[in-house]
């Protein structure tokens, strides 16, 4: 069943009004008709089965036929503090990280970052990627996308178990996870060139655990989603 995230204003009692973009997709791409059913997600963890009543490109509405909790949200909140990446690598992080179960993304500005800022067009693109990935992977919420932060500020702001991925890290990920069973995990991943030694030292001083992710060097865009999968697997929330 096709899934759509909707803003709170779209719900009025048992009635649902879809956005113009969604109406276009339903009529022109999906070829849906009155009587067909779709899933409307309120972004607060509930999913609503909706029977379509009016299906036009200008206005598409439906009636809620049933409501239940969305099953796709992880039991552990994972925030990925990912150093900004160039090109479409950041798009990959958002898409695969959402599929993996990351609940919040924070762009981080580190010393070796090639990209230093974001523009409004790029942020709109990122938000669209998050929403589409959340719909595809049957998430109950769209992950949060925060404003960019300097690494030093991010280290101070991070909560829960803080894990700093570094190619020369000593503590294995498995050992770091075995010591605690947190409800919140903050993961730091560097840019294309990795974190510098001084940044790893700053992470240790801030109370983060500098971890190793194994004998293989992961690409910057691969590490975050891979770590999220590993964390959720260790907590029994994946597979």
C-alpha atoms as a PDB file:
ATOM      1  CA  UNK A   1       0.000   0.000   0.000  1.00  0.00           C
ATOM      2  CA  UNK A   2       1.345   3.410  -0.995  1.00  0.00           C
ATOM      3  CA  UNK A   3       2.428   5.514   1.983  1.00  0.00           C
ATOM      4  CA  UNK A   4       2.328   9.308   2.370  1.00  0.00           C
ATOM      5  CA  UNK A   5       3.526  11.554   5.201  1.00  0.00           C
ATOM      6  CA  UNK A   6       1.161  14.441   5.845  1.00  0.00           C
ATOM      7  CA  UNK A   7       1.287  17.606   7.975  1.00  0.00           C
ATOM      8  CA  UNK A   8      -1.078  17.856  10.993  1.00  0.00           C
ATOM      9  CA  UNK A   9      -3.336  20.300   9.119  1.00  0.00           C
ATOM     10  CA  UNK A  10      -4.152  17.582   6.576  1.00  0.00           C
ATOM     11  CA  UNK A  11      -6.191  15.667   9.169  1.00  0.00           C
ATOM     12  CA  UNK A  12      -9.673  16.925  10.089  1.00  0.00           C
ATOM     13  CA  UNK A  13     -11.574  14.357  12.097  1.00  0.00           C
ATOM     14  CA  UNK A  14     -11.949  11.291   9.898  1.00  0.00           C
ATOM     15  CA  UNK A  15     -11.147  13.220   6.719  1.00  0.00           C
ATOM     16  CA  UNK A  16      -7.731  13.600   5.082  1.00  0.00           C
ATOM     17  CA  UNK A  17      -6.672  16.096   2.425  1.00  0.00           C
ATOM     18  CA  UNK A  18      -3.479  15.323   0.537  1.00  0.00           C
ATOM     19  CA  UNK A  19      -0.960  17.899  -0.667  1.00  0.00           C
ATOM     20  CA  UNK A  20      -0.884  19.152  -4.252  1.00  0.00           C
ATOM     21  CA  UNK A  21       2.310  17.193  -4.925  1.00  0.00           C
ATOM     22  CA  UNK A  22       0.771  14.002  -3.545  1.00  0.00           C
ATOM     23  CA  UNK A  23      -2.415  14.576  -5.550  1.00  0.00           C
ATOM     24  CA  UNK A  24      -0.310  14.882  -8.706  1.00  0.00           C
ATOM     25  CA  UNK A  25       1.516  11.650  -7.903  1.00  0.00           C
ATOM     26  CA  UNK A  26      -1.747   9.800  -7.213  1.00  0.00           C
ATOM     27  CA  UNK A  27      -3.429  10.920 -10.433  1.00  0.00           C
ATOM     28  CA  UNK A  28      -0.564  11.103 -12.919  1.00  0.00           C
ATOM     29  CA  UNK A  29       1.870   8.454 -11.671  1.00  0.00           C
ATOM     30  CA  UNK A  30      -0.034   5.927  -9.544  1.00  0.00           C
ATOM     31  CA  UNK A  31      -3.335   6.255 -11.429  1.00  0.00           C
ATOM     32  CA  UNK A  32      -5.359   5.848  -8.245  1.00  0.00           C
ATOM     33  CA  UNK A  33      -9.123   6.104  -8.223  1.00  0.00           C
ATOM     34  CA  UNK A  34     -11.909   6.693  -5.681  1.00  0.00           C
ATOM     35  CA  UNK A  35     -12.229   3.584  -3.530  1.00  0.00           C
ATOM     36  CA  UNK A  36      -8.522   2.782  -3.598  1.00  0.00           C
ATOM     37  CA  UNK A  37      -6.718   2.756  -0.264  1.00  0.00           C
ATOM     38  CA  UNK A  38      -3.450   4.383   0.772  1.00  0.00           C
ATOM     39  CA  UNK A  39      -1.610   4.799   4.058  1.00  0.00           C
ATOM     40  CA  UNK A  40      -1.424   8.308   5.543  1.00  0.00           C
ATOM     41  CA  UNK A  41       1.203   8.888   8.246  1.00  0.00           C
ATOM     42  CA  UNK A  42       0.839  11.749  10.699  1.00  0.00           C
ATOM     43  CA  UNK A  43       4.553  11.938  11.577  1.00  0.00           C
ATOM     44  CA  UNK A  44       3.761  11.323  15.241  1.00  0.00           C
ATOM     45  CA  UNK A  45       3.963   7.534  15.050  1.00  0.00           C
ATOM     46  CA  UNK A  46       0.480   6.649  13.778  1.00  0.00           C
ATOM     47  CA  UNK A  47      -0.504   5.294  10.382  1.00  0.00           C
ATOM     48  CA  UNK A  48      -4.017   5.673   8.986  1.00  0.00           C
ATOM     49  CA  UNK A  49      -5.578   3.523   6.286  1.00  0.00           C
ATOM     50  CA  UNK A  50      -7.426   5.970   4.040  1.00  0.00           C
ATOM     51  CA  UNK A  51     -10.090   5.190   1.456  1.00  0.00           C
ATOM     52  CA  UNK A  52      -9.852   7.752  -1.331  1.00  0.00           C
ATOM     53  CA  UNK A  53     -13.020   9.693  -2.086  1.00  0.00           C
ATOM     54  CA  UNK A  54     -11.996  12.521  -4.422  1.00  0.00           C
ATOM     55  CA  UNK A  55      -9.021  11.913  -6.706  1.00  0.00           C
ATOM     56  CA  UNK A  56      -8.110  14.846  -8.931  1.00  0.00           C
ATOM     57  CA  UNK A  57      -4.869  16.657  -9.585  1.00  0.00           C
ATOM     58  CA  UNK A  58      -6.305  19.751  -7.917  1.00  0.00           C
ATOM     59  CA  UNK A  59      -7.847  18.042  -4.887  1.00  0.00           C
ATOM     60  CA  UNK A  60      -7.461  14.543  -3.456  1.00  0.00           C
ATOM     61  CA  UNK A  61      -9.258  13.587  -0.253  1.00  0.00           C
ATOM     62  CA  UNK A  62     -10.165  10.454   1.650  1.00  0.00           C
ATOM     63  CA  UNK A  63     -11.768   9.013   4.771  1.00  0.00           C
ATOM     64  CA  UNK A  64      -9.863   7.214   7.527  1.00  0.00           C
ATOM     65  CA  UNK A  65     -10.846   3.550   7.644  1.00  0.00           C
ATOM     66  CA  UNK A  66      -8.459   2.472  10.399  1.00  0.00           C
ATOM     67  CA  UNK A  67      -5.618   3.690  12.605  1.00  0.00           C
ATOM     68  CA  UNK A  68      -2.727   1.862  14.261  1.00  0.00           C
ATOM     69  CA  UNK A  69       0.815   2.553  15.508  1.00  0.00           C
ATOM     70  CA  UNK A  70       3.402   2.607  12.732  1.00  0.00           C
ATOM     71  CA  UNK A  71       5.697  -0.405  13.283  1.00  0.00           C
ATOM     72  CA  UNK A  72       8.868   0.916  11.646  1.00  0.00           C
ATOM     73  CA  UNK A  73      10.387   3.021  14.431  1.00  0.00           C
ATOM     74  CA  UNK A  74      13.446   1.711  16.335  1.00  0.00           C
ATOM     75  CA  UNK A  75      13.507   1.365  20.117  1.00  0.00           C
ATOM     76  CA  UNK A  76      16.852   3.177  20.266  1.00  0.00           C
ATOM     77  CA  UNK A  77      17.132   6.810  19.219  1.00  0.00           C
ATOM     78  CA  UNK A  78      20.208   7.255  17.008  1.00  0.00           C
ATOM     79  CA  UNK A  79      21.527  10.698  16.126  1.00  0.00           C
ATOM     80  CA  UNK A  80      24.126  10.745  13.366  1.00  0.00           C
ATOM     81  CA  UNK A  81      26.563  13.647  13.565  1.00  0.00           C
ATOM     82  CA  UNK A  82      27.887  13.336  10.031  1.00  0.00           C
ATOM     83  CA  UNK A  83      30.595  15.620   8.685  1.00  0.00           C
ATOM     84  CA  UNK A  84      29.391  17.349   5.526  1.00  0.00           C
ATOM     85  CA  UNK A  85      30.200  15.467   2.323  1.00  0.00           C
ATOM     86  CA  UNK A  86      30.459  16.626  -1.266  1.00  0.00           C
ATOM     87  CA  UNK A  87      28.229  15.774  -4.201  1.00  0.00           C
ATOM     88  CA  UNK A  88      25.527  13.188  -3.716  1.00  0.00           C
ATOM     89  CA  UNK A  89      27.317  11.396  -0.891  1.00  0.00           C
ATOM     90  CA  UNK A  90      25.288  13.271   1.702  1.00  0.00           C
ATOM     91  CA  UNK A  91      22.110  12.257  -0.157  1.00  0.00           C
ATOM     92  CA  UNK A  92      23.211   8.628   0.207  1.00  0.00           C
ATOM     93  CA  UNK A  93      23.763   9.054   3.954  1.00  0.00           C
ATOM     94  CA  UNK A  94      20.264  10.481   4.428  1.00  0.00           C
ATOM     95  CA  UNK A  95      18.562   7.806   2.335  1.00  0.00           C
ATOM     96  CA  UNK A  96      20.362   4.754   3.698  1.00  0.00           C
ATOM     97  CA  UNK A  97      20.551   6.145   7.224  1.00  0.00           C
ATOM     98  CA  UNK A  98      16.772   6.578   7.241  1.00  0.00           C
ATOM     99  CA  UNK A  99      16.329   3.016   6.032  1.00  0.00           C
ATOM    100  CA  UNK A 100      18.710   1.840   8.766  1.00  0.00           C
ATOM    101  CA  UNK A 101      16.685   3.549  11.510  1.00  0.00           C
ATOM    102  CA  UNK A 102      18.524   6.795  12.281  1.00  0.00           C
ATOM    103  CA  UNK A 103      16.166   9.248  13.971  1.00  0.00           C
ATOM    104  CA  UNK A 104      18.108  12.497  13.616  1.00  0.00           C
ATOM    105  CA  UNK A 105      20.797  13.830  11.284  1.00  0.00           C
ATOM    106  CA  UNK A 106      23.136  16.679  12.247  1.00  0.00           C
ATOM    107  CA  UNK A 107      25.509  18.034   9.578  1.00  0.00           C
ATOM    108  CA  UNK A 108      28.899  18.670  11.181  1.00  0.00           C
ATOM    109  CA  UNK A 109      31.672  20.968  10.006  1.00  0.00           C
ATOM    110  CA  UNK A 110      35.040  19.302  10.634  1.00  0.00           C
ATOM    111  CA  UNK A 111      38.545  20.358   9.606  1.00  0.00           C
ATOM    112  CA  UNK A 112      38.768  18.202   6.497  1.00  0.00           C
ATOM    113  CA  UNK A 113      35.306  19.030   5.185  1.00  0.00           C
ATOM    114  CA  UNK A 114      35.311  20.095   1.553  1.00  0.00           C
ATOM    115  CA  UNK A 115      31.734  21.375   1.809  1.00  0.00           C
ATOM    116  CA  UNK A 116      31.297  24.026   4.484  1.00  0.00           C
ATOM    117  CA  UNK A 117      27.654  25.104   4.209  1.00  0.00           C
ATOM    118  CA  UNK A 118      24.257  24.321   2.765  1.00  0.00           C
ATOM    119  CA  UNK A 119      21.832  26.388   0.700  1.00  0.00           C
ATOM    120  CA  UNK A 120      18.033  26.473   0.853  1.00  0.00           C
ATOM    121  CA  UNK A 121      17.676  24.460  -2.360  1.00  0.00           C
ATOM    122  CA  UNK A 122      19.947  21.731  -1.083  1.00  0.00           C
ATOM    123  CA  UNK A 123      18.149  21.593   2.261  1.00  0.00           C
ATOM    124  CA  UNK A 124      14.797  21.189   0.488  1.00  0.00           C
ATOM    125  CA  UNK A 125      16.317  18.316  -1.467  1.00  0.00           C
ATOM    126  CA  UNK A 126      17.572  16.708   1.749  1.00  0.00           C
ATOM    127  CA  UNK A 127      14.137  16.972   3.344  1.00  0.00           C
ATOM    128  CA  UNK A 128      12.523  15.364   0.319  1.00  0.00           C
ATOM    129  CA  UNK A 129      15.031  12.484   0.423  1.00  0.00           C
ATOM    130  CA  UNK A 130      14.261  11.907   4.110  1.00  0.00           C
ATOM    131  CA  UNK A 131      10.521  11.838   3.508  1.00  0.00           C
ATOM    132  CA  UNK A 132      10.702   9.508   0.516  1.00  0.00           C
ATOM    133  CA  UNK A 133      13.085   7.138   2.307  1.00  0.00           C
ATOM    134  CA  UNK A 134      10.859   7.087   5.402  1.00  0.00           C
ATOM    135  CA  UNK A 135       7.823   6.256   3.259  1.00  0.00           C
ATOM    136  CA  UNK A 136       9.667   3.525   1.366  1.00  0.00           C
ATOM    137  CA  UNK A 137      11.070   1.868   4.506  1.00  0.00           C
ATOM    138  CA  UNK A 138       7.744   2.069   6.376  1.00  0.00           C
ATOM    139  CA  UNK A 139       8.998   4.373   9.091  1.00  0.00           C
ATOM    140  CA  UNK A 140       6.463   5.999  11.405  1.00  0.00           C
ATOM    141  CA  UNK A 141       8.303   9.310  11.554  1.00  0.00           C
ATOM    142  CA  UNK A 142      10.469  11.315   9.202  1.00  0.00           C
ATOM    143  CA  UNK A 143      13.945  11.717  10.768  1.00  0.00           C
ATOM    144  CA  UNK A 144      14.834  15.195  11.975  1.00  0.00           C
ATOM    145  CA  UNK A 145      17.368  17.237  10.015  1.00  0.00           C
ATOM    146  CA  UNK A 146      19.148  19.785  12.209  1.00  0.00           C
ATOM    147  CA  UNK A 147      21.157  22.857  11.268  1.00  0.00           C
ATOM    148  CA  UNK A 148      24.917  22.414  10.671  1.00  0.00           C
ATOM    149  CA  UNK A 149      27.170  22.602  13.724  1.00  0.00           C
ATOM    150  CA  UNK A 150      30.874  22.954  14.315  1.00  0.00           C
ATOM    151  CA  UNK A 151      32.364  19.722  15.621  1.00  0.00           C
ATOM    152  CA  UNK A 152      33.256  21.261  18.989  1.00  0.00           C
ATOM    153  CA  UNK A 153      29.665  22.427  19.480  1.00  0.00           C
ATOM    154  CA  UNK A 154      28.285  19.074  18.377  1.00  0.00           C
ATOM    155  CA  UNK A 155      30.427  17.219  20.921  1.00  0.00           C
ATOM    156  CA  UNK A 156      29.005  19.401  23.670  1.00  0.00           C
ATOM    157  CA  UNK A 157      25.414  19.050  22.459  1.00  0.00           C
ATOM    158  CA  UNK A 158      25.354  15.271  21.898  1.00  0.00           C
ATOM    159  CA  UNK A 159      23.444  13.152  24.389  1.00  0.00           C
ATOM    160  CA  UNK A 160      23.241   9.528  25.442  1.00  0.00           C
ATOM    161  CA  UNK A 161      26.058   7.143  24.576  1.00  0.00           C
ATOM    162  CA  UNK A 162      28.489   9.100  22.406  1.00  0.00           C
ATOM    163  CA  UNK A 163      30.509   7.109  19.873  1.00  0.00           C
ATOM    164  CA  UNK A 164      33.236   8.769  17.806  1.00  0.00           C
ATOM    165  CA  UNK A 165      34.249   6.640  14.807  1.00  0.00           C
ATOM    166  CA  UNK A 166      37.972   6.976  14.110  1.00  0.00           C
ATOM    167  CA  UNK A 167      40.246   4.805  11.992  1.00  0.00           C
ATOM    168  CA  UNK A 168      42.771   4.614  14.832  1.00  0.00           C
ATOM    169  CA  UNK A 169      40.162   4.060  17.528  1.00  0.00           C
ATOM    170  CA  UNK A 170      41.032   1.510  20.186  1.00  0.00           C
ATOM    171  CA  UNK A 171      37.653   0.518  21.671  1.00  0.00           C
ATOM    172  CA  UNK A 172      35.745  -1.935  19.438  1.00  0.00           C
ATOM    173  CA  UNK A 173      32.137  -1.010  18.740  1.00  0.00           C
ATOM    174  CA  UNK A 174      30.970  -4.279  20.282  1.00  0.00           C
ATOM    175  CA  UNK A 175      32.728  -3.478  23.560  1.00  0.00           C
ATOM    176  CA  UNK A 176      31.309   0.046  23.683  1.00  0.00           C
ATOM    177  CA  UNK A 177      27.793  -1.275  23.221  1.00  0.00           C
ATOM    178  CA  UNK A 178      28.221  -4.118  25.723  1.00  0.00           C
ATOM    179  CA  UNK A 179      28.932  -1.723  28.586  1.00  0.00           C
ATOM    180  CA  UNK A 180      25.576   0.041  28.398  1.00  0.00           C
ATOM    181  CA  UNK A 181      22.077  -0.388  27.009  1.00  0.00           C
ATOM    182  CA  UNK A 182      21.212   3.229  26.224  1.00  0.00           C
ATOM    183  CA  UNK A 183      17.953   4.512  24.796  1.00  0.00           C
ATOM    184  CA  UNK A 184      19.876   7.222  22.959  1.00  0.00           C
ATOM    185  CA  UNK A 185      23.103   6.941  20.952  1.00  0.00           C
ATOM    186  CA  UNK A 186      25.043   9.755  19.274  1.00  0.00           C
ATOM    187  CA  UNK A 187      27.383   8.649  16.475  1.00  0.00           C
ATOM    188  CA  UNK A 188      30.102  10.860  14.992  1.00  0.00           C
ATOM    189  CA  UNK A 189      31.405  10.136  11.487  1.00  0.00           C
ATOM    190  CA  UNK A 190      34.054  12.172   9.697  1.00  0.00           C
ATOM    191  CA  UNK A 191      34.350  13.620   6.174  1.00  0.00           C
ATOM    192  CA  UNK A 192      36.031  12.033   3.140  1.00  0.00           C
ATOM    193  CA  UNK A 193      39.493  12.422   4.697  1.00  0.00           C
ATOM    194  CA  UNK A 194      38.397  11.278   8.143  1.00  0.00           C
ATOM    195  CA  UNK A 195      38.763  13.061  11.447  1.00  0.00           C
ATOM    196  CA  UNK A 196      42.126  14.495  12.437  1.00  0.00           C
ATOM    197  CA  UNK A 197      43.996  13.217  15.485  1.00  0.00           C
ATOM    198  CA  UNK A 198      43.329  16.454  17.355  1.00  0.00           C
ATOM    199  CA  UNK A 199      39.597  16.068  16.745  1.00  0.00           C
ATOM    200  CA  UNK A 200      39.659  12.543  18.163  1.00  0.00           C
ATOM    201  CA  UNK A 201      41.511  13.875  21.220  1.00  0.00           C
ATOM    202  CA  UNK A 202      38.842  16.567  21.610  1.00  0.00           C
ATOM    203  CA  UNK A 203      36.150  13.892  21.460  1.00  0.00           C
ATOM    204  CA  UNK A 204      37.846  11.939  24.245  1.00  0.00           C
ATOM    205  CA  UNK A 205      38.150  15.103  26.340  1.00  0.00           C
ATOM    206  CA  UNK A 206      34.436  15.741  25.817  1.00  0.00           C
ATOM    207  CA  UNK A 207      33.550  12.290  27.159  1.00  0.00           C
ATOM    208  CA  UNK A 208      32.888  10.472  23.893  1.00  0.00           C
ATOM    209  CA  UNK A 209      34.199   6.958  23.268  1.00  0.00           C
ATOM    210  CA  UNK A 210      36.597   6.832  20.317  1.00  0.00           C
ATOM    211  CA  UNK A 211      35.698   3.562  18.641  1.00  0.00           C
ATOM    212  CA  UNK A 212      37.002   1.281  15.932  1.00  0.00           C
ATOM    213  CA  UNK A 213      34.588  -0.167  13.394  1.00  0.00           C
ATOM    214  CA  UNK A 214      36.817  -3.090  12.469  1.00  0.00           C
ATOM    215  CA  UNK A 215      39.812  -3.864  10.247  1.00  0.00           C
ATOM    216  CA  UNK A 216      38.273  -2.419   7.087  1.00  0.00           C
ATOM    217  CA  UNK A 217      38.160   1.286   6.269  1.00  0.00           C
ATOM    218  CA  UNK A 218      34.620   2.373   5.425  1.00  0.00           C
ATOM    219  CA  UNK A 219      33.787   5.233   3.105  1.00  0.00           C
ATOM    220  CA  UNK A 220      32.491   8.356   4.802  1.00  0.00           C
ATOM    221  CA  UNK A 221      28.992   7.876   3.372  1.00  0.00           C
ATOM    222  CA  UNK A 222      28.878   4.192   4.343  1.00  0.00           C
ATOM    223  CA  UNK A 223      30.013   4.379   7.958  1.00  0.00           C
ATOM    224  CA  UNK A 224      26.957   6.092   9.471  1.00  0.00           C
ATOM    225  CA  UNK A 225      24.289   3.719   8.113  1.00  0.00           C
ATOM    226  CA  UNK A 226      26.556   0.720   8.835  1.00  0.00           C
ATOM    227  CA  UNK A 227      26.984   1.797  12.451  1.00  0.00           C
ATOM    228  CA  UNK A 228      23.236   2.330  12.807  1.00  0.00           C
ATOM    229  CA  UNK A 229      22.570  -1.209  11.555  1.00  0.00           C
ATOM    230  CA  UNK A 230      25.160  -2.591  13.994  1.00  0.00           C
ATOM    231  CA  UNK A 231      23.754  -0.675  16.970  1.00  0.00           C
ATOM    232  CA  UNK A 232      20.176  -1.760  16.304  1.00  0.00           C
ATOM    233  CA  UNK A 233      21.269  -5.353  15.688  1.00  0.00           C
ATOM    234  CA  UNK A 234      23.104  -5.369  19.018  1.00  0.00           C
ATOM    235  CA  UNK A 235      19.925  -4.153  20.724  1.00  0.00           C
ATOM    236  CA  UNK A 236      17.779  -6.813  19.056  1.00  0.00           C
ATOM    237  CA  UNK A 237      16.020  -4.275  16.838  1.00  0.00           C
ATOM    238  CA  UNK A 238      17.273  -5.488  13.485  1.00  0.00           C
ATOM    239  CA  UNK A 239      16.934  -9.027  12.246  1.00  0.00           C
END
